[in-house]
Amino acid sequence: MDLSTQTTARKGSVHHDTHATPPEFIQKEHWRYQSMRKKELETDPDIFDLSKRHEFTKEQQEIWRPAGSIAASQIKAACEAYAGGQPLAAETEDAPVFEHRNFPGLQVVCRLLPPETQVLFTSCLMHRDLANAAHKINLQSDYIIPYPPEPTTEPMRFDSSFFSRERAAPEDCLEPLVPEKLNSLNTEQFLYTKLRWLTLGEQYDWPTRSYSKHATPFPEDLSKLVTGLFPHIRPESGVVLMYSAKDFMPVHRDVSEQCQRALASFSVGCDGIFIMARGEDGGKGDNAPRTVAIRVKSGDCVHLTGAARWAWHAMARTVPSTCPPYLANWPVGTPGATRAEERSYKKWKGYMGTKRINVSCRQVWD
């Protein structure tokens, strides 16, 4: 299957009800995984870990069928373009794409992003993009945020970052717009417990579930990475979700976009349990309720096209203590950090060890 030519096969996406209520059966499944203990997640036969497909039974391998691959040379070129032309240190391999038999368009690419690209990916998002006031975050409507100075545009430089600050310096506190209702937040509280999402490019408005056209430009380097891996996607918006150990994303559909293009969802950090549904409560035949659960790992990409692009789905939970070693100490290890920056980052050592970041890159307009 040639991923470079894929589009969704649905018309009239603008007519979907963005405020529709999800079916009860997937909500029950969502809560079931939330309540599971970590040991239960490891042994649950209904959770597919595609990185262990070689251990699948014949029946499980029939469920997850090969749907093409992304060539090692294509991955290398995309990752090096993302890094401003800097060569990858490690060798890349072809990345197979697997598609679920009963969920056409639900495709998983395991370990698509090499470890060094994952570290750079995290650094660009959490140093540079988070420090850009033009990118909306969940706290802007309630707090006055003391943003760092405008960062340099030089590739691989992160001279403007919230992680350059002390954890609890009074001058860096976020002050509430209505002091009678909220308390101020120091930088540690902001970054560790209150920061939930960041929007890149076309700004998604969560209350209205719609986009503000051409609000901010999509990061050029991230665009090179996405289109280098998935040439059929012209990324205009990236919804960045930050998860801590107990965080989750409720059941929803991504139906606000005004085009019929696929979506690429990248993950870094701790593992997550992703679930998807098709059918309806009480439905029969093709309309019978069905769910699938996938264990998504750092560097994986979930590619949604066809019917799966508009399906109900959720990130049921994060699996703690699963961040890979090369990322667990971040921001220590930030590429291109000066000695002064390295000293600052040591105050935040281990931040990603408890976090999971998911970035869904999508085209918004035809």
Protein backbone atom coordinates (compact mmCIF):
# COMPACT_ATOMS: atom_id res chain seq x y z
CA MET A 1 0.00 0.00 0.00
CA ASP A 2 1.36 3.39 -0.99
CA LEU A 3 0.87 5.73 1.97
CA SER A 4 1.83 8.74 -0.12
CA THR A 5 -1.47 8.66 -2.03
CA GLN A 6 -3.93 8.03 0.76
CA THR A 7 -6.84 10.33 1.48
CA THR A 8 -10.00 9.60 3.37
CA ALA A 9 -12.97 8.34 1.44
CA ARG A 10 -15.64 10.38 3.18
CA LYS A 11 -17.44 13.45 1.96
CA GLY A 12 -19.24 16.09 3.94
CA SER A 13 -16.99 16.08 6.99
CA VAL A 14 -18.22 19.54 7.92
CA HIS A 15 -21.65 18.06 8.67
CA HIS A 16 -20.48 15.87 11.54
CA ASP A 17 -21.81 16.82 14.93
CA THR A 18 -18.74 17.88 16.88
CA HIS A 19 -20.72 17.77 20.13
CA ALA A 20 -22.20 14.28 19.63
CA THR A 21 -22.22 11.87 22.58
CA PRO A 22 -20.04 8.78 22.14
CA PRO A 23 -21.60 5.30 22.34
CA GLU A 24 -21.89 3.83 25.82
CA PHE A 25 -19.94 0.67 24.95
CA ILE A 26 -16.67 2.50 24.23
CA GLN A 27 -17.08 4.70 27.30
CA LYS A 28 -17.34 1.55 29.42
CA GLU A 29 -14.22 0.17 27.77
CA HIS A 30 -12.45 3.46 28.38
CA TRP A 31 -13.20 3.33 32.12
CA ARG A 32 -12.28 -0.34 32.30
CA TYR A 33 -8.73 0.36 31.15
CA GLN A 34 -8.46 3.36 33.43
CA SER A 35 -9.21 1.18 36.45
CA MET A 36 -6.76 -1.58 35.54
CA ARG A 37 -3.57 -2.06 37.49
CA LYS A 38 -0.28 -1.99 35.61
CA LYS A 39 0.19 -5.75 36.04
CA GLU A 40 -3.24 -6.36 34.52
CA LEU A 41 -2.32 -4.23 31.51
CA GLU A 42 0.74 -6.41 30.91
CA THR A 43 -1.35 -9.57 30.64
CA ASP A 44 -4.61 -8.33 29.12
CA PRO A 45 -5.10 -10.37 25.90
CA ASP A 46 -7.19 -7.61 24.30
CA ILE A 47 -4.36 -5.04 24.28
CA PHE A 48 -2.21 -5.27 21.15
CA ASP A 49 1.47 -4.37 21.42
CA LEU A 50 2.59 -4.16 17.79
CA SER A 51 6.25 -4.01 18.80
CA LYS A 52 5.77 -7.67 19.81
CA ARG A 53 3.97 -8.77 16.68
CA HIS A 54 6.55 -11.52 16.23
CA GLU A 55 5.04 -13.10 19.38
CA PHE A 56 1.46 -12.89 18.05
CA THR A 57 -0.57 -16.02 17.43
CA LYS A 58 -1.51 -16.80 13.85
CA GLU A 59 -4.99 -15.44 14.54
CA GLN A 60 -3.59 -12.18 15.95
CA GLN A 61 -1.33 -11.78 12.93
CA GLU A 62 -4.38 -12.17 10.71
CA ILE A 63 -6.05 -9.35 12.62
CA TRP A 64 -3.07 -7.01 12.13
CA ARG A 65 -2.10 -7.28 8.48
CA PRO A 66 0.86 -5.65 6.68
CA ALA A 67 -0.23 -2.46 4.91
CA GLY A 68 3.06 -1.35 3.35
CA SER A 69 6.13 0.25 4.87
CA ILE A 70 8.07 3.48 5.09
CA ALA A 71 11.55 3.08 3.63
CA ALA A 72 14.63 3.57 5.79
CA SER A 73 15.95 6.15 3.32
CA GLN A 74 12.70 8.13 3.59
CA ILE A 75 12.81 8.06 7.41
CA LYS A 76 16.46 9.13 7.40
CA ALA A 77 15.82 12.02 4.99
CA ALA A 78 12.78 13.25 6.96
CA CYS A 79 14.55 13.10 10.33
CA GLU A 80 17.67 14.84 9.02
CA ALA A 81 15.57 17.59 7.43
CA TYR A 82 13.84 18.02 10.80
CA ALA A 83 17.25 18.38 12.45
CA GLY A 84 18.28 21.15 10.06
CA GLY A 85 20.40 18.84 7.93
CA GLN A 86 22.34 17.26 10.77
CA PRO A 87 22.97 13.56 9.97
CA LEU A 88 21.44 10.82 12.08
CA ALA A 89 23.99 9.00 14.20
CA ALA A 90 22.17 5.65 14.15
CA GLU A 91 21.22 3.53 11.17
CA THR A 92 17.55 3.45 10.20
CA GLU A 93 15.49 0.50 9.04
CA ASP A 94 12.33 0.18 6.99
CA ALA A 95 9.28 0.74 9.20
CA PRO A 96 6.43 -1.71 8.49
CA VAL A 97 2.87 -0.42 8.64
CA PHE A 98 0.17 -2.69 10.10
CA GLU A 99 -3.58 -2.20 9.66
CA HIS A 100 -6.39 -3.72 11.71
CA ARG A 101 -8.58 -6.08 9.71
CA ASN A 102 -11.83 -4.91 11.35
CA PHE A 103 -10.91 -1.23 11.51
CA PRO A 104 -9.96 -0.21 7.96
CA GLY A 105 -7.67 2.81 8.05
CA LEU A 106 -6.38 2.20 11.58
CA GLN A 107 -2.65 1.83 10.96
CA VAL A 108 0.27 1.62 13.38
CA VAL A 109 3.94 2.29 12.60
CA CYS A 110 6.13 1.10 15.46
CA ARG A 111 9.33 2.96 16.37
CA LEU A 112 8.98 5.28 13.40
CA LEU A 113 10.96 8.08 15.06
CA PRO A 114 14.55 7.09 15.98
CA PRO A 115 15.62 7.80 19.59
CA GLU A 116 17.65 10.92 18.72
CA THR A 117 14.71 12.31 16.74
CA GLN A 118 12.43 11.66 19.72
CA VAL A 119 14.77 13.71 21.94
CA LEU A 120 14.83 16.55 19.41
CA PHE A 121 11.06 16.28 18.94
CA THR A 122 10.54 16.68 22.70
CA SER A 123 13.01 19.57 22.87
CA CYS A 124 11.38 21.51 20.04
CA LEU A 125 7.94 21.13 21.58
CA MET A 126 8.74 21.71 25.23
CA HIS A 127 11.50 24.34 24.93
CA ARG A 128 10.70 26.34 21.81
CA ASP A 129 7.02 25.85 20.95
CA LEU A 130 5.74 26.00 24.51
CA ALA A 131 7.64 29.28 25.01
CA ASN A 132 5.94 30.85 21.97
CA ALA A 133 2.94 32.87 23.22
CA ALA A 134 1.27 32.54 19.82
CA HIS A 135 0.66 28.86 20.50
CA LYS A 136 -2.42 28.50 22.66
CA ILE A 137 -2.18 26.44 25.88
CA ASN A 138 -4.87 25.36 28.34
CA LEU A 139 -3.89 27.95 30.98
CA GLN A 140 -4.04 31.13 28.90
CA SER A 141 -7.71 31.81 29.61
CA ASP A 142 -7.18 31.78 33.39
CA TYR A 143 -3.63 33.05 33.99
CA ILE A 144 -1.20 35.79 33.07
CA ILE A 145 1.76 33.80 31.77
CA PRO A 146 5.24 35.39 31.97
CA TYR A 147 6.61 34.06 28.70
CA PRO A 148 10.38 33.93 28.08
CA PRO A 149 11.90 36.34 25.52
CA GLU A 150 11.43 35.63 21.83
CA PRO A 151 13.61 32.62 20.94
CA THR A 152 16.18 32.53 18.17
CA THR A 153 15.13 30.97 14.88
CA GLU A 154 18.46 29.17 14.58
CA PRO A 155 17.94 25.38 14.16
CA MET A 156 18.73 23.19 17.17
CA ARG A 157 18.92 26.19 19.54
CA PHE A 158 16.62 26.44 22.54
CA ASP A 159 17.73 29.65 24.20
CA SER A 160 14.20 30.56 25.32
CA SER A 161 12.55 27.98 27.57
CA PHE A 162 10.48 27.66 30.72
CA PHE A 163 12.95 24.93 31.73
CA SER A 164 15.70 27.53 32.04
CA ARG A 165 13.92 28.90 35.12
CA GLU A 166 14.02 27.99 38.79
CA ARG A 167 11.26 25.71 39.99
CA ALA A 168 9.66 28.21 42.37
CA ALA A 169 11.02 31.72 41.72
CA PRO A 170 8.31 34.29 42.68
CA GLU A 171 9.03 36.46 39.63
CA ASP A 172 8.16 33.56 37.30
CA CYS A 173 4.79 32.72 38.83
CA LEU A 174 1.63 32.54 36.73
CA GLU A 175 -0.86 34.95 38.25
CA PRO A 176 -4.60 34.25 37.97
CA LEU A 177 -6.79 36.68 36.06
CA VAL A 178 -9.36 36.31 38.85
CA PRO A 179 -7.36 36.02 42.11
CA GLU A 180 -10.49 35.31 44.13
CA LYS A 181 -11.01 32.03 42.28
CA LEU A 182 -7.51 30.66 41.60
CA ASN A 183 -4.11 30.58 43.25
CA SER A 184 -0.89 31.59 41.54
CA LEU A 185 1.26 28.82 40.08
CA ASN A 186 5.02 28.53 40.29
CA THR A 187 6.92 27.07 37.35
CA GLU A 188 7.04 23.58 38.83
CA GLN A 189 3.27 23.48 39.37
CA PHE A 190 2.72 24.86 35.88
CA LEU A 191 4.93 22.35 34.06
CA TYR A 192 4.34 19.25 36.16
CA THR A 193 0.66 19.32 37.07
CA LYS A 194 -1.32 22.04 35.25
CA LEU A 195 -0.01 22.03 31.67
CA ARG A 196 -2.31 19.80 29.60
CA TRP A 197 -2.24 20.89 25.97
CA LEU A 198 -0.61 23.12 23.38
CA THR A 199 -1.86 23.88 19.86
CA LEU A 200 0.54 24.42 16.96
CA GLY A 201 -0.39 26.20 13.75
CA GLU A 202 -4.13 26.58 13.16
CA GLN A 203 -5.45 27.15 16.68
CA TYR A 204 -8.09 24.69 17.83
CA ASP A 205 -10.72 26.18 20.12
CA TRP A 206 -11.77 23.48 22.58
CA PRO A 207 -15.08 25.03 23.78
CA THR A 208 -16.43 25.51 20.24
CA ARG A 209 -14.48 22.59 18.72
CA SER A 210 -13.51 24.63 15.71
CA TYR A 211 -10.44 26.28 14.18
CA SER A 212 -9.36 29.91 13.82
CA LYS A 213 -8.16 30.08 10.24
CA HIS A 214 -4.49 30.99 9.72
CA ALA A 215 -3.99 32.01 13.33
CA THR A 216 -0.32 31.00 13.55
CA PRO A 217 2.08 29.29 11.16
CA PHE A 218 2.77 25.59 11.66
CA PRO A 219 6.42 24.96 12.69
CA GLU A 220 8.43 24.62 9.50
CA ASP A 221 10.76 21.90 10.77
CA LEU A 222 7.88 19.76 12.07
CA SER A 223 6.14 20.19 8.73
CA LYS A 224 9.23 18.79 6.99
CA LEU A 225 9.21 15.79 9.30
CA VAL A 226 5.51 15.04 8.82
CA THR A 227 5.44 15.48 5.03
CA GLY A 228 8.74 13.64 4.71
CA LEU A 229 7.16 10.60 6.36
CA PHE A 230 3.60 11.06 5.06
CA PRO A 231 3.69 13.09 1.81
CA HIS A 232 -0.11 13.03 1.54
CA ILE A 233 -0.50 15.13 4.71
CA ARG A 234 0.02 18.91 4.63
CA PRO A 235 0.13 19.65 8.36
CA GLU A 236 -1.65 22.85 9.33
CA SER A 237 -2.47 22.10 12.96
CA GLY A 238 -0.86 20.05 15.68
CA VAL A 239 -2.71 19.25 18.89
CA VAL A 240 -0.08 18.52 21.53
CA LEU A 241 -1.34 16.65 24.59
CA MET A 242 0.78 16.29 27.74
CA TYR A 243 -0.07 13.37 29.98
CA SER A 244 1.05 12.61 33.52
CA ALA A 245 0.62 9.22 35.19
CA LYS A 246 -3.13 9.56 35.87
CA ASP A 247 -4.13 11.66 32.85
CA PHE A 248 -6.31 10.49 29.96
CA MET A 249 -8.10 11.80 26.89
CA PRO A 250 -11.89 11.19 26.89
CA VAL A 251 -13.67 9.43 24.06
CA HIS A 252 -14.04 11.78 21.10
CA ARG A 253 -13.87 12.09 17.31
CA ASP A 254 -11.60 14.38 15.28
CA VAL A 255 -14.24 15.79 12.92
CA SER A 256 -13.66 19.55 13.04
CA GLU A 257 -11.26 19.64 10.07
CA GLN A 258 -12.67 20.94 6.78
CA CYS A 259 -10.90 18.42 4.53
CA GLN A 260 -10.63 14.70 3.90
CA ARG A 261 -6.98 14.04 4.66
CA ALA A 262 -5.39 11.47 6.93
CA LEU A 263 -4.02 12.23 10.41
CA ALA A 264 -0.63 11.26 11.86
CA SER A 265 -0.38 10.97 15.64
CA PHE A 266 3.15 10.75 17.12
CA SER A 267 3.98 9.63 20.67
CA VAL A 268 7.04 10.16 22.86
CA GLY A 269 7.68 9.29 26.51
CA CYS A 270 5.72 6.74 28.54
CA ASP A 271 3.46 4.13 26.93
CA GLY A 272 -0.24 4.82 26.45
CA ILE A 273 -3.34 2.68 25.91
CA PHE A 274 -5.17 3.87 22.79
CA ILE A 275 -8.67 2.58 22.08
CA MET A 276 -10.95 2.91 19.06
CA ALA A 277 -14.57 1.93 18.41
CA ARG A 278 -16.92 1.26 15.54
CA GLY A 279 -20.61 0.41 15.51
CA GLU A 280 -23.43 1.52 17.78
CA ASP A 281 -24.96 0.49 21.08
CA GLY A 282 -27.21 -2.47 20.36
CA GLY A 283 -26.16 -2.60 16.70
CA LYS A 284 -25.95 -5.82 14.68
CA GLY A 285 -23.86 -7.05 11.77
CA ASP A 286 -21.55 -4.32 10.46
CA ASN A 287 -23.06 -1.98 13.03
CA ALA A 288 -22.29 -4.23 16.01
CA PRO A 289 -20.20 -2.64 18.79
CA ARG A 290 -16.46 -3.30 18.38
CA THR A 291 -13.43 -1.93 20.14
CA VAL A 292 -9.69 -2.36 19.83
CA ALA A 293 -6.95 -1.42 22.31
CA ILE A 294 -3.35 -0.69 21.32
CA ARG A 295 -0.31 -0.13 23.49
CA VAL A 296 1.42 2.89 21.92
CA LYS A 297 5.11 3.38 22.71
CA SER A 298 7.67 6.16 22.39
CA GLY A 299 8.48 6.79 18.73
CA ASP A 300 5.30 5.10 17.44
CA CYS A 301 2.89 6.73 15.03
CA VAL A 302 -0.81 5.98 14.67
CA HIS A 303 -1.92 6.84 11.12
CA LEU A 304 -5.67 7.29 10.67
CA THR A 305 -7.21 7.25 7.21
CA GLY A 306 -10.44 6.03 5.59
CA ALA A 307 -13.26 5.23 8.00
CA ALA A 308 -10.89 5.19 10.98
CA ARG A 309 -10.15 8.88 10.47
CA TRP A 310 -13.60 9.78 11.83
CA ALA A 311 -14.03 7.01 14.40
CA TRP A 312 -14.57 7.35 18.14
CA HIS A 313 -11.30 6.93 20.02
CA ALA A 314 -9.56 7.81 23.26
CA MET A 315 -6.26 7.62 25.12
CA ALA A 316 -7.50 5.63 28.10
CA ARG A 317 -4.40 5.99 30.23
CA THR A 318 -0.66 6.41 30.51
CA VAL A 319 1.45 3.50 31.74
CA PRO A 320 3.89 4.87 34.37
CA SER A 321 7.61 4.03 34.49
CA THR A 322 7.76 3.08 30.80
CA CYS A 323 9.65 6.05 29.36
CA PRO A 324 12.73 4.78 27.45
CA PRO A 325 16.12 5.53 29.10
CA TYR A 326 17.32 7.84 26.32
CA LEU A 327 14.41 10.21 27.05
CA ALA A 328 13.72 9.66 30.74
CA ASN A 329 16.21 12.28 32.00
CA TRP A 330 15.08 15.03 29.63
CA PRO A 331 15.63 18.06 29.61
CA VAL A 332 19.11 16.78 30.47
CA GLY A 333 20.39 15.70 27.09
CA THR A 334 18.77 18.52 25.13
CA PRO A 335 20.57 18.73 21.75
CA GLY A 336 22.91 21.70 21.34
CA ALA A 337 22.57 22.86 24.97
CA THR A 338 25.26 25.24 26.21
CA ARG A 339 26.99 24.57 29.53
CA ALA A 340 24.83 27.20 31.21
CA GLU A 341 21.68 25.62 29.80
CA GLU A 342 22.83 22.16 30.87
CA ARG A 343 23.23 23.43 34.44
CA SER A 344 19.71 24.90 34.35
CA TYR A 345 18.22 21.71 32.94
CA LYS A 346 19.65 19.61 35.76
CA LYS A 347 17.04 21.18 38.05
CA TRP A 348 14.41 19.49 35.90
CA LYS A 349 16.19 16.17 35.34
CA GLY A 350 13.71 13.33 34.91
CA TYR A 351 10.77 15.44 33.72
CA MET A 352 9.95 13.12 30.81
CA GLY A 353 10.37 10.05 33.00
CA THR A 354 6.81 10.61 34.22
CA LYS A 355 5.29 12.11 31.08
CA ARG A 356 3.78 11.14 27.77
CA ILE A 357 3.44 13.57 24.86
CA ASN A 358 1.17 12.97 21.90
CA VAL A 359 1.12 15.20 18.81
CA SER A 360 -1.68 14.76 16.26
CA CYS A 361 -0.73 16.49 13.03
CA ARG A 362 -3.51 17.14 10.61
CA GLN A 363 -4.52 19.18 7.59
CA VAL A 364 -7.45 21.47 8.37
CA TRP A 365 -8.43 23.16 5.09
CA ASP A 366 -8.82 21.86 1.52
